[in-house]
Amino acid sequence: MEIMKKNYRIKTIISLLVCLWISALSISAQTVIKASIDSVHIWIGQQTKVRLEIAADKDKQLQLPMVSDTLMDGVEVLEISKIDTFDIGNERIQLKYDFLITSFDSALYLLPPFKVIADLDTVLSTELALKVSSPEVDTESKQFYDIKDVRKPPFALIDYLPNLFWILAIFAFYALLAFIIYRMIRKKSTIPLKKAEPYISPHIRAINRLDTIKSGKLWQGGKMKEYHSEITETLRVYIEERFKVEAMEMTSGEILSDIKKHSSADIAYDNLKQILILADFVKFAKYSPMPDENELSMMNAYLFVNNTKKEELKEELKTEE
């Protein structure tokens, strides 16, 4: 009989332990929301924090409390902190964040509970109380005065220096503008203009340049390439000004082809052809011409310029000047 009683007691204890373990598991798996407040009593305009702590399983979809700019009439939300997430073990997490609140009406407020939705379950926090008081004003022992009129600060020159600087700058700008307009009307420049150089015909410039090359005696000093390059460059410049073609950018063949179109250059075409072909041989084939060939290029250059020159009328020279 006693053995049966002992077995019954053991079975009862085991059943209670199993029930407690199952209830502990069910509680640990629940979603919990806890609300607290830093100070339950504040003065009008003071601030305090409401803190929320939410614990839930990691696999649950949580919908946190929706907080706008007010918790209730008379209680304003100034700031919402970021949410801090902690792993508390057993596949559970904890969320923490704060609301900074204030009130400008003295009253005793019962803040509504905060609601969190976990999957299909809705969990509410406890209600919080907040007392907002107005400071007491001693109107008997203290004397009060009316608001004073706006007083002008004492004069200080340094306060007006920026404005004075801008006034002087604007005055200087308009003075300079007026001076420039006056000089333009009077057609007088404040900067002396450089005297215009007298007009020189293209063929005269070319002849002068050929004289300089000839007196330099380049080919006599072994500078064949420089000698023929300067002759051809002088003729290219002359051709551009005389025949209005871009000779400096053309090849020798292109120049000869273009010159052939001008009837005024027929008599000097062969002279130019000899100069350009010999210069190309010297520059690109490293040909070393004989002395009489060098002299022939210079002579043909003079002939080409003199045979193709254009005599400008005095009226045209005056117009160009």
Protein backbone atom coordinates (compact mmCIF):
# COMPACT_ATOMS: atom_id res chain seq x y z
CA MET A 1 0.00 0.00 0.00
CA GLU A 2 2.79 2.38 0.92
CA ILE A 3 4.62 1.46 -2.28
CA MET A 4 1.58 2.42 -4.33
CA LYS A 5 1.34 5.77 -2.51
CA LYS A 6 5.02 6.47 -3.22
CA ASN A 7 4.57 5.64 -6.91
CA TYR A 8 1.52 7.90 -7.06
CA ARG A 9 3.46 10.77 -5.48
CA ILE A 10 6.35 10.31 -7.93
CA LYS A 11 3.98 10.31 -10.91
CA THR A 12 2.25 13.46 -9.57
CA ILE A 13 5.57 15.29 -9.16
CA ILE A 14 6.71 14.27 -12.65
CA SER A 15 3.38 15.47 -14.13
CA LEU A 16 3.71 18.85 -12.39
CA LEU A 17 7.27 19.29 -13.64
CA VAL A 18 6.19 18.48 -17.20
CA CYS A 19 3.33 20.98 -16.98
CA LEU A 20 5.66 23.68 -15.62
CA TRP A 21 8.19 23.02 -18.40
CA ILE A 22 5.49 23.21 -21.08
CA SER A 23 4.10 26.45 -19.61
CA ALA A 24 7.62 27.93 -19.44
CA LEU A 25 8.16 27.09 -23.10
CA SER A 26 4.86 28.68 -24.06
CA ILE A 27 5.66 31.82 -22.08
CA SER A 28 9.16 32.10 -23.54
CA ALA A 29 7.70 31.83 -27.00
CA GLN A 30 5.27 34.70 -26.45
CA THR A 31 5.77 38.23 -27.74
CA VAL A 32 6.25 40.69 -24.88
CA ILE A 33 6.09 44.52 -24.99
CA LYS A 34 7.16 46.64 -22.05
CA ALA A 35 6.69 50.42 -21.80
CA SER A 36 8.35 52.68 -19.23
CA ILE A 37 8.76 56.41 -18.73
CA ASP A 38 11.77 58.26 -17.34
CA SER A 39 9.79 60.77 -15.31
CA VAL A 40 6.10 60.58 -14.47
CA HIS A 41 6.01 64.26 -13.44
CA ILE A 42 7.23 67.19 -15.57
CA TRP A 43 6.68 70.92 -15.77
CA ILE A 44 5.02 72.52 -18.76
CA GLY A 45 7.46 72.49 -21.68
CA GLN A 46 9.82 69.98 -20.08
CA GLN A 47 10.70 66.76 -21.88
CA THR A 48 10.83 63.13 -20.88
CA LYS A 49 11.40 59.82 -22.61
CA VAL A 50 9.06 56.88 -23.10
CA ARG A 51 11.03 53.66 -23.62
CA LEU A 52 9.69 50.55 -25.41
CA GLU A 53 11.18 47.07 -25.10
CA ILE A 54 9.82 44.28 -27.31
CA ALA A 55 10.87 40.63 -27.11
CA ALA A 56 9.78 38.12 -29.75
CA ASP A 57 10.85 35.08 -31.73
CA LYS A 58 13.13 35.72 -34.69
CA ASP A 59 10.83 34.00 -37.15
CA LYS A 60 7.81 36.19 -36.35
CA GLN A 61 6.70 39.09 -38.49
CA LEU A 62 6.42 42.12 -36.21
CA GLN A 63 4.36 45.24 -36.74
CA LEU A 64 5.69 47.84 -34.30
CA PRO A 65 3.53 50.53 -32.66
CA MET A 66 2.62 53.34 -35.05
CA VAL A 67 3.54 56.66 -33.45
CA SER A 68 2.77 60.01 -35.10
CA ASP A 69 3.56 63.50 -33.82
CA THR A 70 1.26 63.03 -30.79
CA LEU A 71 0.62 60.19 -28.37
CA MET A 72 -2.70 61.73 -27.38
CA ASP A 73 -4.29 65.17 -27.14
CA GLY A 74 -1.89 67.39 -25.19
CA VAL A 75 1.17 65.09 -25.41
CA GLU A 76 3.51 65.77 -28.34
CA VAL A 77 6.22 63.52 -29.75
CA LEU A 78 9.40 65.48 -30.49
CA GLU A 79 11.77 62.73 -31.59
CA ILE A 80 11.86 58.96 -32.20
CA SER A 81 15.20 57.22 -31.70
CA LYS A 82 16.55 54.49 -33.94
CA ILE A 83 15.66 50.90 -33.08
CA ASP A 84 18.36 48.81 -31.35
CA THR A 85 18.14 45.06 -31.90
CA PHE A 86 19.67 42.48 -29.49
CA ASP A 87 19.95 38.70 -29.69
CA ILE A 88 18.80 37.32 -26.32
CA GLY A 89 19.23 33.61 -27.19
CA ASN A 90 16.77 30.77 -27.70
CA GLU A 91 16.07 32.15 -31.22
CA ARG A 92 14.62 35.32 -29.73
CA ILE A 93 15.41 39.01 -30.24
CA GLN A 94 14.79 42.18 -28.26
CA LEU A 95 14.00 45.60 -29.77
CA LYS A 96 14.53 48.86 -27.88
CA TYR A 97 13.76 52.46 -28.85
CA ASP A 98 12.61 55.73 -27.24
CA PHE A 99 10.10 58.54 -27.78
CA LEU A 100 10.96 62.05 -26.61
CA ILE A 101 7.69 63.67 -25.50
CA THR A 102 6.56 66.96 -23.98
CA SER A 103 3.35 68.79 -23.09
CA PHE A 104 2.26 72.41 -22.84
CA ASP A 105 -1.02 71.82 -20.99
CA SER A 106 -1.07 71.05 -17.28
CA ALA A 107 -3.07 67.86 -16.64
CA LEU A 108 -2.81 64.25 -15.57
CA TYR A 109 -2.49 62.13 -18.70
CA LEU A 110 -3.05 58.38 -18.93
CA LEU A 111 -1.04 57.39 -21.98
CA PRO A 112 -2.71 54.72 -24.13
CA PRO A 113 -1.02 51.31 -24.26
CA PHE A 114 1.34 50.58 -27.15
CA LYS A 115 0.34 47.78 -29.49
CA VAL A 116 2.61 45.33 -31.32
CA ILE A 117 1.34 42.69 -33.77
CA ALA A 118 3.30 39.43 -34.09
CA ASP A 119 1.91 37.32 -36.95
CA LEU A 120 -1.75 36.96 -35.88
CA ASP A 121 -1.24 37.85 -32.20
CA THR A 122 -1.74 41.37 -30.78
CA VAL A 123 0.12 42.31 -27.60
CA LEU A 124 -0.51 45.46 -25.56
CA SER A 125 1.77 47.22 -23.11
CA THR A 126 0.68 48.60 -19.77
CA GLU A 127 -0.71 52.13 -19.58
CA LEU A 128 1.58 54.93 -18.43
CA ALA A 129 0.68 57.97 -16.36
CA LEU A 130 2.17 61.43 -16.94
CA LYS A 131 1.50 64.46 -14.77
CA VAL A 132 2.21 67.88 -16.26
CA SER A 133 2.22 70.81 -13.82
CA SER A 134 2.36 74.56 -14.18
CA PRO A 135 4.98 76.39 -12.08
CA GLU A 136 3.52 78.43 -9.29
CA VAL A 137 3.99 82.18 -9.65
CA ASP A 138 4.35 84.28 -6.53
CA THR A 139 2.35 87.41 -7.34
CA GLU A 140 2.31 88.78 -3.79
CA SER A 141 5.95 88.98 -2.67
CA LYS A 142 7.40 89.78 -6.10
CA GLN A 143 6.81 92.89 -8.19
CA PHE A 144 6.18 92.60 -11.93
CA TYR A 145 6.90 95.20 -14.60
CA ASP A 146 5.57 95.87 -18.06
CA ILE A 147 7.57 94.86 -21.11
CA LYS A 148 10.07 97.57 -22.00
CA ASP A 149 10.17 99.23 -25.40
CA VAL A 150 12.80 98.29 -27.94
CA ARG A 151 16.02 100.19 -27.26
CA LYS A 152 18.47 101.25 -29.93
CA PRO A 153 22.04 100.06 -29.38
CA PRO A 154 24.72 102.71 -28.95
CA PHE A 155 26.40 104.01 -32.09
CA ALA A 156 29.52 102.05 -33.15
CA LEU A 157 31.33 102.87 -36.37
CA ILE A 158 32.51 99.30 -36.85
CA ASP A 159 28.88 98.20 -37.29
CA TYR A 160 28.54 100.44 -40.35
CA LEU A 161 31.88 99.68 -42.00
CA PRO A 162 30.56 96.86 -44.27
CA ASN A 163 27.75 99.10 -45.57
CA LEU A 164 30.21 101.97 -46.08
CA PHE A 165 32.53 99.66 -48.03
CA TRP A 166 29.76 98.58 -50.40
CA ILE A 167 28.62 102.18 -50.93
CA LEU A 168 32.16 103.23 -51.87
CA ALA A 169 32.57 100.20 -54.16
CA ILE A 170 29.31 100.99 -56.01
CA PHE A 171 30.29 104.65 -56.32
CA ALA A 172 33.72 103.69 -57.73
CA PHE A 173 32.12 101.31 -60.23
CA TYR A 174 29.72 103.93 -61.59
CA ALA A 175 32.50 106.53 -61.68
CA LEU A 176 34.67 104.18 -63.75
CA LEU A 177 31.74 103.36 -66.04
CA ALA A 178 31.02 107.06 -66.58
CA PHE A 179 34.70 107.72 -67.34
CA ILE A 180 34.81 104.93 -69.94
CA ILE A 181 31.63 106.18 -71.62
CA TYR A 182 33.01 109.73 -71.65
CA ARG A 183 36.25 108.59 -73.29
CA MET A 184 34.32 106.55 -75.86
CA ILE A 185 32.18 109.56 -76.74
CA ARG A 186 35.23 111.74 -77.10
CA LYS A 187 36.84 108.97 -79.18
CA LYS A 188 39.97 109.03 -77.08
CA SER A 189 41.56 105.89 -75.74
CA THR A 190 43.21 105.82 -72.32
CA ILE A 191 45.83 103.41 -73.76
CA PRO A 192 47.93 104.74 -76.67
CA LEU A 193 47.38 102.65 -79.78
CA LYS A 194 50.29 101.10 -81.58
CA LYS A 195 51.00 102.90 -84.84
CA ALA A 196 49.87 100.86 -87.82
CA GLU A 197 52.69 99.47 -89.89
CA PRO A 198 52.81 100.60 -93.54
CA TYR A 199 51.34 98.18 -96.04
CA ILE A 200 53.88 96.09 -98.00
CA SER A 201 52.85 94.16 -101.07
CA PRO A 202 53.18 90.34 -100.91
CA HIS A 203 55.72 90.26 -103.77
CA ILE A 204 57.91 92.89 -102.06
CA ARG A 205 57.92 90.90 -98.82
CA ALA A 206 58.77 87.74 -100.75
CA ILE A 207 61.66 89.45 -102.60
CA ASN A 208 63.01 90.84 -99.32
CA ARG A 209 62.83 87.40 -97.75
CA LEU A 210 64.63 85.80 -100.71
CA ASP A 211 67.34 88.47 -100.44
CA THR A 212 67.84 87.53 -96.79
CA ILE A 213 68.06 83.82 -97.61
CA LYS A 214 70.52 84.48 -100.42
CA SER A 215 72.76 86.61 -98.23
CA GLY A 216 72.70 83.93 -95.52
CA LYS A 217 74.64 81.51 -97.77
CA LEU A 218 73.02 78.45 -96.21
CA TRP A 219 73.82 75.93 -98.93
CA GLN A 220 77.42 77.17 -99.07
CA GLY A 221 77.65 76.21 -95.38
CA GLY A 222 76.28 72.72 -96.00
CA LYS A 223 72.73 73.51 -94.83
CA MET A 224 71.00 72.21 -97.95
CA LYS A 225 67.72 71.23 -96.27
CA GLU A 226 67.36 74.58 -94.46
CA TYR A 227 68.15 76.50 -97.66
CA HIS A 228 65.49 74.81 -99.81
CA SER A 229 62.95 74.72 -96.95
CA GLU A 230 63.17 78.49 -96.47
CA ILE A 231 62.81 79.14 -100.21
CA THR A 232 59.69 76.95 -100.46
CA GLU A 233 58.19 78.41 -97.27
CA THR A 234 58.69 81.94 -98.63
CA LEU A 235 56.93 80.96 -101.86
CA ARG A 236 54.09 79.23 -99.98
CA VAL A 237 53.41 82.40 -97.97
CA TYR A 238 53.51 84.48 -101.16
CA ILE A 239 51.15 82.07 -102.97
CA GLU A 240 48.64 82.20 -100.10
CA GLU A 241 48.53 86.00 -100.18
CA ARG A 242 48.68 86.34 -103.96
CA PHE A 243 46.37 83.53 -105.12
CA LYS A 244 44.26 83.13 -101.92
CA VAL A 245 44.94 79.40 -101.45
CA GLU A 246 46.08 77.53 -98.35
CA ALA A 247 49.50 76.71 -99.71
CA MET A 248 51.01 76.16 -96.25
CA GLU A 249 48.76 73.13 -95.79
CA MET A 250 49.23 71.68 -99.30
CA THR A 251 51.71 69.24 -100.74
CA SER A 252 53.94 70.25 -103.62
CA GLY A 253 51.70 68.38 -106.09
CA GLU A 254 48.57 70.09 -104.78
CA ILE A 255 50.20 73.52 -105.06
CA LEU A 256 51.28 72.90 -108.66
CA SER A 257 47.82 71.60 -109.54
CA ASP A 258 46.16 74.67 -108.05
CA ILE A 259 48.62 77.16 -109.62
CA LYS A 260 47.98 75.60 -113.03
CA LYS A 261 44.40 76.85 -112.82
CA HIS A 262 45.56 80.48 -112.76
CA SER A 263 46.38 81.81 -116.20
CA SER A 264 48.51 84.58 -114.70
CA ALA A 265 50.99 81.94 -113.45
CA ASP A 266 51.43 80.03 -116.70
CA ILE A 267 54.68 81.77 -117.55
CA ALA A 268 56.15 80.95 -114.11
CA TYR A 269 54.73 77.45 -113.66
CA ASP A 270 57.94 75.67 -114.72
CA ASN A 271 60.01 77.85 -112.37
CA LEU A 272 57.84 76.85 -109.38
CA LYS A 273 57.84 73.18 -110.43
CA GLN A 274 61.66 73.03 -110.47
CA ILE A 275 61.87 74.62 -106.99
CA LEU A 276 59.28 72.35 -105.32
CA ILE A 277 60.50 69.08 -106.89
CA LEU A 278 64.15 69.75 -105.98
CA ALA A 279 63.16 70.77 -102.44
CA ASP A 280 61.18 67.52 -101.98
CA PHE A 281 64.21 65.49 -103.14
CA VAL A 282 66.43 67.31 -100.66
CA LYS A 283 63.99 67.03 -97.72
CA PHE A 284 62.65 63.52 -98.21
CA ALA A 285 65.23 61.67 -100.35
CA LYS A 286 68.27 63.35 -98.77
CA TYR A 287 69.45 64.38 -102.22
CA SER A 288 72.52 66.62 -102.31
CA PRO A 289 72.12 69.03 -105.27
CA MET A 290 74.92 70.56 -107.26
CA PRO A 291 75.84 74.24 -106.74
CA ASP A 292 74.25 75.26 -110.03
CA GLU A 293 71.00 73.53 -108.96
CA ASN A 294 70.96 75.54 -105.73
CA GLU A 295 71.52 78.75 -107.67
CA LEU A 296 68.80 77.74 -110.14
CA SER A 297 66.22 77.34 -107.35
CA MET A 298 66.97 80.84 -106.05
CA MET A 299 66.82 82.35 -109.54
CA ASN A 300 63.53 80.59 -110.33
CA ALA A 301 62.08 81.85 -107.04
CA TYR A 302 62.83 85.45 -108.05
CA LEU A 303 61.37 84.80 -111.51
CA PHE A 304 58.18 83.23 -110.12
CA VAL A 305 57.52 86.17 -107.79
CA ASN A 306 58.31 88.82 -110.39
CA ASN A 307 56.26 87.13 -113.12
CA THR A 308 53.19 86.63 -110.94
CA LYS A 309 53.21 89.79 -108.85
CA LYS A 310 50.14 91.98 -108.81
CA GLU A 311 50.57 95.73 -108.96
CA GLU A 312 48.13 97.36 -106.55
CA LEU A 313 46.67 100.72 -107.40
CA LYS A 314 47.27 103.63 -105.05
CA GLU A 315 43.55 103.82 -104.21
CA GLU A 316 43.57 100.18 -103.09
CA LEU A 317 46.63 100.75 -100.93
CA LYS A 318 44.97 103.70 -99.24
CA THR A 319 41.81 101.65 -98.60
CA GLU A 320 43.78 98.78 -97.04
CA GLU A 321 45.79 101.20 -94.89
